[in-house]
Protein backbone atom coordinates (compact mmCIF):
# COMPACT_ATOMS: atom_id res chain seq x y z
CA MET A 1 0.13 -0.29 0.17
CA SER A 2 1.58 3.37 -0.73
CA ALA A 3 1.99 6.29 1.32
CA SER A 4 -0.44 8.37 -0.17
CA ILE A 5 -3.12 5.51 -0.08
CA ALA A 6 -2.13 4.28 3.61
CA SER A 7 -2.77 8.14 4.78
CA GLY A 8 -5.47 9.36 3.34
CA GLY A 9 -6.93 12.93 2.58
CA THR A 10 -8.15 15.49 4.95
CA ASP A 11 -11.09 18.10 5.15
CA ILE A 12 -9.33 19.89 8.44
CA GLY A 13 -10.80 23.13 7.66
CA ARG A 14 -14.33 22.07 7.28
CA ARG A 15 -14.26 20.16 9.71
CA ILE A 16 -12.93 23.04 12.45
CA ARG A 17 -15.48 25.36 10.81
CA GLU A 18 -18.46 22.76 11.32
CA GLN A 19 -17.42 22.17 14.62
CA ARG A 20 -17.47 25.63 15.99
CA GLU A 21 -20.72 26.62 14.20
CA ARG A 22 -21.60 24.09 16.01
CA LEU A 23 -20.92 25.07 19.25
CA GLY A 24 -21.94 28.51 18.52
CA LEU A 25 -18.89 30.18 18.60
CA SER A 26 -17.18 33.01 16.61
CA ARG A 27 -13.90 32.88 15.32
CA ALA A 28 -12.76 35.03 17.78
CA GLU A 29 -13.89 32.99 20.73
CA THR A 30 -12.18 29.44 19.13
CA ALA A 31 -9.11 31.37 18.39
CA GLU A 32 -9.57 33.07 22.39
CA ARG A 33 -9.72 28.98 23.58
CA ALA A 34 -7.49 27.63 21.38
CA GLY A 35 -4.34 30.13 22.23
CA VAL A 36 -3.90 30.96 18.43
CA ALA A 37 -4.48 34.06 16.39
CA PRO A 38 -8.07 34.74 14.71
CA ASP A 39 -6.55 35.09 11.52
CA TYR A 40 -4.60 31.48 11.24
CA LEU A 41 -8.10 30.08 12.42
CA ALA A 42 -9.55 31.59 9.41
CA TYR A 43 -6.67 30.33 7.31
CA LEU A 44 -7.02 26.60 8.44
CA GLU A 45 -10.89 27.04 7.63
CA THR A 46 -10.69 28.39 3.64
CA CYS A 47 -7.62 26.65 3.16
CA PRO A 48 -7.99 23.82 1.03
CA ASP A 49 -5.03 21.66 1.96
CA CYS A 50 -3.75 22.77 5.56
CA SER A 51 -1.32 21.43 7.29
CA PRO A 52 -1.86 22.78 10.90
CA THR A 53 0.82 21.17 13.72
CA GLN A 54 -0.10 18.48 16.12
CA ALA A 55 0.29 20.78 18.74
CA THR A 56 -2.41 23.20 17.21
CA LEU A 57 -4.95 20.64 16.18
CA ILE A 58 -4.96 19.37 19.99
CA ARG A 59 -5.38 23.14 20.81
CA LEU A 60 -8.10 23.12 18.75
CA ALA A 61 -9.44 19.71 19.65
CA GLY A 62 -9.72 21.27 23.21
CA ALA A 63 -11.44 24.22 22.56
CA LEU A 64 -13.81 22.37 20.27
CA GLY A 65 -14.70 19.36 22.60
CA THR A 66 -13.83 17.01 20.23
CA SER A 67 -10.83 14.80 19.27
CA VAL A 68 -7.81 15.17 16.93
CA GLY A 69 -8.83 12.28 14.84
CA ALA A 70 -12.18 13.77 14.21
CA LEU A 71 -10.52 17.24 12.99
CA SER A 72 -7.75 15.87 11.30
CA GLY A 73 -10.12 12.81 9.21
CA ALA A 74 -8.84 10.07 10.89
CA GLY A 75 -9.50 6.27 8.69
CA LEU A 76 -10.66 7.93 5.47
CA ASN A 77 -8.75 5.33 3.17
CA LEU A 78 -11.28 3.25 4.88
CA PRO A 79 -15.21 2.41 3.58
CA PRO A 80 -17.40 4.60 5.20
CA GLY A 81 -19.25 3.79 8.19
CA GLN A 82 -16.35 1.88 10.17
CA ARG A 83 -17.52 4.00 13.61
CA GLY A 84 -20.63 3.66 15.08
CA PRO A 85 -23.64 6.86 14.66
CA ASP A 86 -23.31 9.94 16.93
CA ALA A 87 -25.21 10.22 19.86
CA SER A 88 -27.89 12.61 18.53
CA PRO A 89 -27.97 11.98 14.50
CA ALA A 90 -30.75 13.76 12.96
CA LEU A 91 -31.88 12.33 9.41
CA ALA A 92 -34.02 15.13 7.03
CA LYS A 93 -34.93 15.16 3.14
CA LEU A 94 -33.65 17.55 1.05
CA THR A 95 -35.34 19.72 -0.98
CA ALA A 96 -34.66 19.45 -4.72
CA ASP A 97 -33.32 22.51 -4.95
CA GLU A 98 -30.73 21.78 -1.95
CA CYS A 99 -30.26 18.43 -4.03
CA ARG A 100 -28.70 20.41 -6.90
CA ALA A 101 -26.69 22.72 -4.86
CA LEU A 102 -25.06 19.70 -3.16
CA ILE A 103 -23.83 18.32 -6.92
CA ALA A 104 -23.89 21.39 -8.92
CA HIS A 105 -20.13 21.59 -8.64
CA GLY A 106 -19.04 17.78 -10.04
CA GLY A 107 -17.47 14.45 -9.23
CA VAL A 108 -17.64 11.35 -8.68
CA GLY A 109 -21.09 9.33 -9.18
CA ARG A 110 -22.31 6.32 -9.65
CA VAL A 111 -24.65 4.93 -12.63
CA LEU A 112 -27.26 2.49 -11.64
CA PHE A 113 -28.26 -0.32 -14.32
CA VAL A 114 -29.19 -3.74 -14.54
CA GLU A 115 -26.93 -5.50 -16.49
CA ALA A 116 -27.86 -8.13 -18.74
CA GLY A 117 -26.92 -11.92 -16.68
CA ARG A 118 -26.40 -10.14 -13.81
CA GLY A 119 -28.72 -7.64 -12.21
CA PRO A 120 -28.35 -4.55 -10.94
CA VAL A 121 -24.43 -3.15 -10.64
CA ALA A 122 -23.39 0.65 -10.04
CA VAL A 123 -20.44 1.90 -12.29
CA PRO A 124 -18.07 4.82 -10.65
CA VAL A 125 -17.57 7.54 -13.16
CA ASN A 126 -16.49 11.34 -13.19
CA TYR A 127 -19.25 14.26 -13.85
CA ARG A 128 -20.56 17.57 -14.61
CA MET A 129 -23.65 19.38 -14.45
CA ASP A 130 -25.04 20.29 -17.49
CA GLY A 131 -27.59 22.67 -16.51
CA PRO A 132 -29.77 20.32 -15.00
CA ASP A 133 -28.87 16.97 -16.61
CA VAL A 134 -25.96 15.01 -15.56
CA VAL A 135 -22.87 14.68 -18.21
CA PHE A 136 -20.27 11.52 -17.91
CA ARG A 137 -17.69 9.81 -20.09
CA THR A 138 -16.96 6.43 -21.23
CA ALA A 139 -15.19 4.10 -23.88
CA TYR A 140 -17.10 3.03 -26.86
CA GLY A 141 -18.42 -1.07 -26.36
CA THR A 142 -18.82 -1.50 -22.41
CA ARG A 143 -21.21 -2.79 -20.27
CA LEU A 144 -22.01 0.80 -19.58
CA THR A 145 -23.28 1.91 -22.74
CA ASP A 146 -25.09 -1.28 -23.35
CA GLY A 147 -26.81 -0.61 -20.17
CA LEU A 148 -27.86 2.82 -21.11
CA GLN A 149 -30.22 1.37 -23.35
CA GLN A 150 -32.91 1.15 -20.62
CA ALA A 151 -35.56 3.15 -20.63
CA SER A 152 -34.69 4.60 -16.59
CA VAL A 153 -31.52 4.75 -15.37
CA SER A 154 -30.34 6.35 -11.97
CA PHE A 155 -27.09 7.88 -10.84
CA ASP A 156 -26.45 8.65 -7.09
CA ILE A 157 -23.56 10.94 -5.50
CA ASP A 158 -22.86 10.96 -1.80
CA GLN A 159 -20.32 12.41 0.73
CA PHE A 160 -19.63 11.27 3.87
CA ASP A 161 -17.69 11.94 6.90
CA GLU A 162 -16.35 9.43 9.27
CA ALA A 163 -14.98 11.59 11.89
CA LEU A 164 -17.93 13.39 12.15
CA ALA A 165 -20.75 10.23 11.45
CA GLU A 166 -22.39 12.64 8.89
CA GLY A 167 -23.32 12.75 5.41
CA TRP A 168 -25.29 13.07 2.52
CA SER A 169 -26.83 11.33 -0.96
CA VAL A 170 -28.72 12.48 -3.73
CA LEU A 171 -30.24 10.07 -6.07
CA LEU A 172 -31.37 11.33 -9.69
CA THR A 173 -33.40 9.16 -12.21
CA GLY A 174 -34.28 9.84 -15.51
CA THR A 175 -33.13 8.79 -19.21
CA ALA A 176 -29.98 8.33 -20.40
CA SER A 177 -28.58 8.40 -24.23
CA VAL A 178 -24.89 8.59 -25.88
CA VAL A 179 -24.63 12.58 -27.23
CA SER A 180 -24.16 12.43 -30.90
CA GLU A 181 -24.85 15.73 -32.45
CA PRO A 182 -21.53 17.81 -33.50
CA ASP A 183 -22.92 20.63 -31.57
CA GLU A 184 -23.65 18.96 -28.45
CA ILE A 185 -20.32 17.16 -28.55
CA LEU A 186 -18.88 20.42 -28.52
CA ARG A 187 -20.59 21.76 -25.47
CA VAL A 188 -20.51 18.87 -23.41
CA ARG A 189 -16.58 18.33 -24.14
CA SER A 190 -16.45 22.39 -22.60
CA LEU A 191 -17.39 21.23 -19.57
CA GLY A 192 -13.93 19.28 -18.82
CA ILE A 193 -14.94 16.37 -17.66
CA GLU A 194 -11.73 14.03 -16.83
CA PRO A 195 -12.34 10.66 -15.90
CA TRP A 196 -9.69 9.41 -13.01
CA ALA A 197 -9.53 5.86 -14.62
CA GLY A 198 -8.00 7.19 -17.69
CA GLY A 199 -7.92 5.66 -21.04
CA ASP A 200 -9.69 5.98 -24.47
CA ARG A 201 -13.37 7.14 -22.95
CA GLN A 202 -14.07 9.17 -25.82
CA VAL A 203 -18.12 8.52 -25.11
CA TYR A 204 -19.97 11.49 -23.65
CA VAL A 205 -23.23 10.55 -21.91
CA ARG A 206 -25.94 12.85 -21.06
CA LEU A 207 -28.73 11.93 -18.28
CA ARG A 208 -31.73 13.70 -18.65
CA VAL A 209 -32.96 13.89 -14.96
CA HIS A 210 -36.67 13.37 -13.92
CA GLN A 211 -36.21 12.83 -10.47
CA ILE A 212 -34.02 13.71 -7.88
CA THR A 213 -34.38 13.04 -4.13
CA GLY A 214 -31.72 13.27 -1.18
CA ARG A 215 -31.02 12.86 2.49
CA VAL A 216 -28.84 14.31 5.26
CA ILE A 217 -27.82 13.34 8.13
CA ARG A 218 -26.42 15.72 10.56
CA VAL A 219 -25.28 15.64 14.36
CA THR A 220 -27.77 17.59 16.26
CA GLY A 221 -25.72 17.50 19.96
């Protein structure tokens, strides 16, 4: 196992901000409790790849009534759900607008369809939104392009924070088709979809969404 896989990524700034807001603390109050400068705390909360020292994390964890592991995202290399639920979770439905806001910037989702001879399958793909539609890339002659001949397919996007036991999931259902018109091909190419799997993936697929639902789990205590 490589070092990058073993350590996983972190999202320390977001966890600091969410825990601070959960406690109803301002940045100034939190900074004073932790013995750090307010400007430095603002930097930590907004920097996408900050690397505070262990001593700083210990002080922040103490100020926020949590653990260093919870702030640093310990165990992100493991499948979600390894830890138990929080003592006070709240499950709520998301509105269609809330769902669209969560998935607006694209990322990785799973195409859900029925594969002949196997049954329901889920294939992860990188996607972008084009208005209300989901667009992703694949290769010619794959089981995915074969599966898209169905009348209806679904697409799932989710995000889980193992350290905080929080997360959300959005499910879209609609009809998918291969993009074939020259003008439309130029349009979807401009979305900048870059599949992590690499390879020759020159087929663009558009999912026209007919239904969108979502749920969110938040810690209330």
